[in-house]
Amino acid sequence: MKLCHPPQIEPRILIDEDFCKGCQLCIRVCPRQVLVRGKRRNRAGYLLPEIKEGSKCSACLLCELTCPDLALTVAKGEK
C-alpha cells in the first residue's frame, strides 16, 4: 500500500500597504520572527513591515488577527 502525501504548503504573508499604519504589532506577535521593521514607507508615510524569512511562517495567523487595520493576510499556497 502506497501512502499519498499532500503537497507541501508554504504560507504567504500579504500586506496591504494602503491600510498599514506601521504600528509593528504584527512584528511583535510573530513567534518565528518572520516579519521585521522595514525601510520602505507607504503613501501616508508609515514604515511598512518586511518579510524576513517567509519560509519560517507557520501560518499561525497571529499577525493577521492582531493587525488593527486589517492590513495583513496570511494566504496558503503551494511551494
N, C-alpha and C. Protein backbone atom coordinates (compact mmCIF):
# COMPACT_ATOMS: atom_id res chain seq x y z
N MET A 1 0.85 -1.17 0.00
CA MET A 1 0.00 0.00 0.00
C MET A 1 0.90 1.24 0.00
N LYS A 2 0.59 2.17 -0.88
CA LYS A 2 1.39 3.38 -1.01
C LYS A 2 0.62 4.55 -0.41
N LEU A 3 1.29 5.32 0.44
CA LEU A 3 0.65 6.48 1.04
C LEU A 3 0.89 7.71 0.18
N CYS A 4 -0.13 8.48 0.01
CA CYS A 4 -0.01 9.73 -0.74
C CYS A 4 0.09 10.88 0.25
N HIS A 5 1.06 11.73 0.05
CA HIS A 5 1.22 12.90 0.91
C HIS A 5 0.77 14.13 0.14
N PRO A 6 0.01 15.00 0.80
CA PRO A 6 -0.40 16.22 0.12
C PRO A 6 0.81 17.10 -0.18
N PRO A 7 0.73 17.94 -1.19
CA PRO A 7 1.86 18.82 -1.49
C PRO A 7 2.16 19.72 -0.30
N GLN A 8 3.43 20.01 -0.11
CA GLN A 8 3.83 20.88 0.99
C GLN A 8 3.34 22.30 0.70
N ILE A 9 2.76 22.90 1.69
CA ILE A 9 2.18 24.23 1.51
C ILE A 9 3.00 25.26 2.28
N GLU A 10 3.35 26.33 1.61
CA GLU A 10 4.07 27.42 2.25
C GLU A 10 3.16 28.64 2.30
N PRO A 11 2.87 29.14 3.49
CA PRO A 11 2.00 30.32 3.59
C PRO A 11 2.68 31.56 3.02
N ARG A 12 1.86 32.48 2.55
CA ARG A 12 2.37 33.76 2.06
C ARG A 12 1.73 34.87 2.87
N ILE A 13 2.52 35.84 3.25
CA ILE A 13 2.01 36.98 4.01
C ILE A 13 1.81 38.13 3.02
N LEU A 14 0.59 38.62 2.96
CA LEU A 14 0.25 39.72 2.06
C LEU A 14 -0.02 40.97 2.88
N ILE A 15 0.65 42.05 2.56
CA ILE A 15 0.49 43.31 3.30
C ILE A 15 -0.13 44.34 2.38
N ASP A 16 -1.29 44.86 2.78
CA ASP A 16 -1.94 45.92 2.02
C ASP A 16 -1.32 47.25 2.46
N GLU A 17 -0.44 47.77 1.65
CA GLU A 17 0.33 48.96 2.00
C GLU A 17 -0.55 50.18 2.26
N ASP A 18 -1.71 50.25 1.62
CA ASP A 18 -2.59 51.40 1.81
C ASP A 18 -3.24 51.42 3.19
N PHE A 19 -3.43 50.24 3.80
CA PHE A 19 -4.07 50.16 5.11
C PHE A 19 -3.09 50.16 6.27
N CYS A 20 -1.85 49.77 6.04
CA CYS A 20 -0.86 49.64 7.11
C CYS A 20 -0.52 51.01 7.70
N LYS A 21 -0.53 51.09 9.04
CA LYS A 21 -0.17 52.33 9.73
C LYS A 21 1.13 52.20 10.50
N GLY A 22 1.89 51.14 10.23
CA GLY A 22 3.22 51.00 10.81
C GLY A 22 3.27 50.80 12.31
N CYS A 23 2.24 50.22 12.90
CA CYS A 23 2.19 50.05 14.36
C CYS A 23 3.15 48.96 14.86
N GLN A 24 3.56 48.07 13.98
CA GLN A 24 4.51 46.99 14.26
C GLN A 24 3.97 45.90 15.18
N LEU A 25 2.67 45.86 15.42
CA LEU A 25 2.11 44.79 16.25
C LEU A 25 2.34 43.43 15.61
N CYS A 26 2.26 43.37 14.29
CA CYS A 26 2.47 42.10 13.59
C CYS A 26 3.89 41.58 13.83
N ILE A 27 4.84 42.50 13.88
CA ILE A 27 6.24 42.13 14.12
C ILE A 27 6.40 41.58 15.53
N ARG A 28 5.76 42.23 16.49
CA ARG A 28 5.90 41.83 17.90
C ARG A 28 5.27 40.49 18.22
N VAL A 29 4.16 40.15 17.56
CA VAL A 29 3.45 38.92 17.92
C VAL A 29 3.95 37.68 17.18
N CYS A 30 4.74 37.86 16.14
CA CYS A 30 5.19 36.71 15.35
C CYS A 30 6.15 35.83 16.17
N PRO A 31 5.75 34.58 16.45
CA PRO A 31 6.60 33.70 17.27
C PRO A 31 7.86 33.23 16.54
N ARG A 32 7.88 33.35 15.22
CA ARG A 32 9.03 32.87 14.44
C ARG A 32 9.86 34.01 13.84
N GLN A 33 9.53 35.22 14.21
CA GLN A 33 10.25 36.41 13.75
C GLN A 33 10.37 36.47 12.23
N VAL A 34 9.25 36.23 11.58
CA VAL A 34 9.20 36.27 10.12
C VAL A 34 9.20 37.72 9.61
N LEU A 35 8.55 38.60 10.35
CA LEU A 35 8.43 40.00 9.95
C LEU A 35 9.44 40.87 10.70
N VAL A 36 9.94 41.88 10.01
CA VAL A 36 10.86 42.85 10.61
C VAL A 36 10.43 44.25 10.21
N ARG A 37 10.92 45.24 10.92
CA ARG A 37 10.63 46.62 10.57
C ARG A 37 11.33 46.95 9.25
N GLY A 38 10.57 47.45 8.32
CA GLY A 38 11.12 47.74 7.01
C GLY A 38 11.67 49.15 6.89
N LYS A 39 12.19 49.45 5.73
CA LYS A 39 12.73 50.78 5.45
C LYS A 39 11.85 51.56 4.48
N ARG A 40 10.93 50.84 3.84
CA ARG A 40 10.02 51.48 2.88
C ARG A 40 8.83 52.10 3.59
N ARG A 41 8.33 53.17 3.02
CA ARG A 41 7.14 53.84 3.56
C ARG A 41 6.00 53.76 2.55
N ASN A 42 4.78 53.76 3.06
CA ASN A 42 3.63 53.78 2.15
C ASN A 42 3.31 55.24 1.80
N ARG A 43 2.25 55.46 1.06
CA ARG A 43 1.91 56.81 0.60
C ARG A 43 1.61 57.77 1.76
N ALA A 44 1.15 57.21 2.89
CA ALA A 44 0.85 58.05 4.06
C ALA A 44 2.09 58.33 4.90
N GLY A 45 3.21 57.70 4.55
CA GLY A 45 4.46 57.95 5.27
C GLY A 45 4.77 56.96 6.38
N TYR A 46 3.96 55.92 6.53
CA TYR A 46 4.19 54.92 7.58
C TYR A 46 5.22 53.89 7.13
N LEU A 47 6.10 53.49 8.06
CA LEU A 47 7.07 52.43 7.76
C LEU A 47 6.34 51.10 7.67
N LEU A 48 6.62 50.37 6.61
CA LEU A 48 5.95 49.08 6.38
C LEU A 48 6.79 47.93 6.94
N PRO A 49 6.14 46.88 7.44
CA PRO A 49 6.90 45.69 7.83
C PRO A 49 7.41 44.98 6.59
N GLU A 50 8.50 44.26 6.75
CA GLU A 50 9.06 43.46 5.66
C GLU A 50 9.08 42.00 6.09
N ILE A 51 9.01 41.12 5.12
CA ILE A 51 9.08 39.69 5.37
C ILE A 51 10.55 39.29 5.32
N LYS A 52 11.07 38.86 6.47
CA LYS A 52 12.49 38.48 6.55
C LYS A 52 12.70 37.08 6.00
N GLU A 53 11.97 36.11 6.55
CA GLU A 53 12.09 34.72 6.10
C GLU A 53 10.71 34.10 6.03
N GLY A 54 10.06 34.26 4.89
CA GLY A 54 8.71 33.75 4.72
C GLY A 54 8.59 32.25 4.88
N SER A 55 9.66 31.53 4.61
CA SER A 55 9.62 30.06 4.72
C SER A 55 9.50 29.60 6.17
N LYS A 56 9.78 30.48 7.12
CA LYS A 56 9.66 30.13 8.54
C LYS A 56 8.23 30.29 9.06
N CYS A 57 7.37 30.89 8.25
CA CYS A 57 5.98 31.15 8.66
C CYS A 57 5.23 29.84 8.87
N SER A 58 4.55 29.74 10.01
CA SER A 58 3.78 28.53 10.32
C SER A 58 2.29 28.74 10.08
N ALA A 59 1.91 29.89 9.57
CA ALA A 59 0.51 30.24 9.32
C ALA A 59 -0.32 30.21 10.59
N CYS A 60 0.26 30.67 11.70
CA CYS A 60 -0.47 30.71 12.97
C CYS A 60 -1.52 31.81 12.98
N LEU A 61 -1.42 32.75 12.07
CA LEU A 61 -2.35 33.86 11.87
C LEU A 61 -2.30 34.94 12.96
N LEU A 62 -1.33 34.86 13.87
CA LEU A 62 -1.25 35.88 14.93
C LEU A 62 -1.09 37.28 14.35
N CYS A 63 -0.27 37.41 13.32
CA CYS A 63 -0.07 38.73 12.71
C CYS A 63 -1.37 39.25 12.11
N GLU A 64 -2.07 38.39 11.41
CA GLU A 64 -3.33 38.78 10.76
C GLU A 64 -4.39 39.15 11.80
N LEU A 65 -4.51 38.35 12.84
CA LEU A 65 -5.53 38.59 13.87
C LEU A 65 -5.21 39.80 14.74
N THR A 66 -3.95 40.15 14.86
CA THR A 66 -3.53 41.26 15.71
C THR A 66 -3.61 42.61 15.00
N CYS A 67 -3.52 42.62 13.70
CA CYS A 67 -3.48 43.88 12.95
C CYS A 67 -4.79 44.67 13.13
N PRO A 68 -4.71 45.85 13.76
CA PRO A 68 -5.93 46.63 14.00
C PRO A 68 -6.51 47.25 12.72
N ASP A 69 -5.72 47.30 11.66
CA ASP A 69 -6.17 47.93 10.42
C ASP A 69 -6.50 46.93 9.32
N LEU A 70 -6.46 45.64 9.65
CA LEU A 70 -6.76 44.57 8.69
C LEU A 70 -5.89 44.69 7.44
N ALA A 71 -4.63 45.07 7.65
CA ALA A 71 -3.71 45.29 6.53
C ALA A 71 -2.92 44.05 6.16
N LEU A 72 -3.08 42.99 6.93
CA LEU A 72 -2.26 41.80 6.74
C LEU A 72 -3.13 40.57 6.54
N THR A 73 -2.76 39.73 5.58
CA THR A 73 -3.47 38.48 5.33
C THR A 73 -2.44 37.38 5.15
N VAL A 74 -2.73 36.23 5.74
CA VAL A 74 -1.86 35.06 5.55
C VAL A 74 -2.59 34.13 4.60
N ALA A 75 -2.01 33.91 3.43
CA ALA A 75 -2.61 33.06 2.41
C ALA A 75 -1.79 31.80 2.26
N LYS A 76 -2.46 30.67 2.13
CA LYS A 76 -1.75 29.41 1.93
C LYS A 76 -1.63 29.15 0.44
N GLY A 77 -0.44 28.80 0.02
CA GLY A 77 -0.20 28.50 -1.39
C GLY A 77 0.78 27.35 -1.50
N GLU A 78 0.82 26.71 -2.65
CA GLU A 78 1.73 25.58 -2.84
C GLU A 78 3.15 26.08 -3.06
N LYS A 79 4.11 25.28 -2.59
CA LYS A 79 5.52 25.59 -2.78
C LYS A 79 5.90 25.42 -4.22
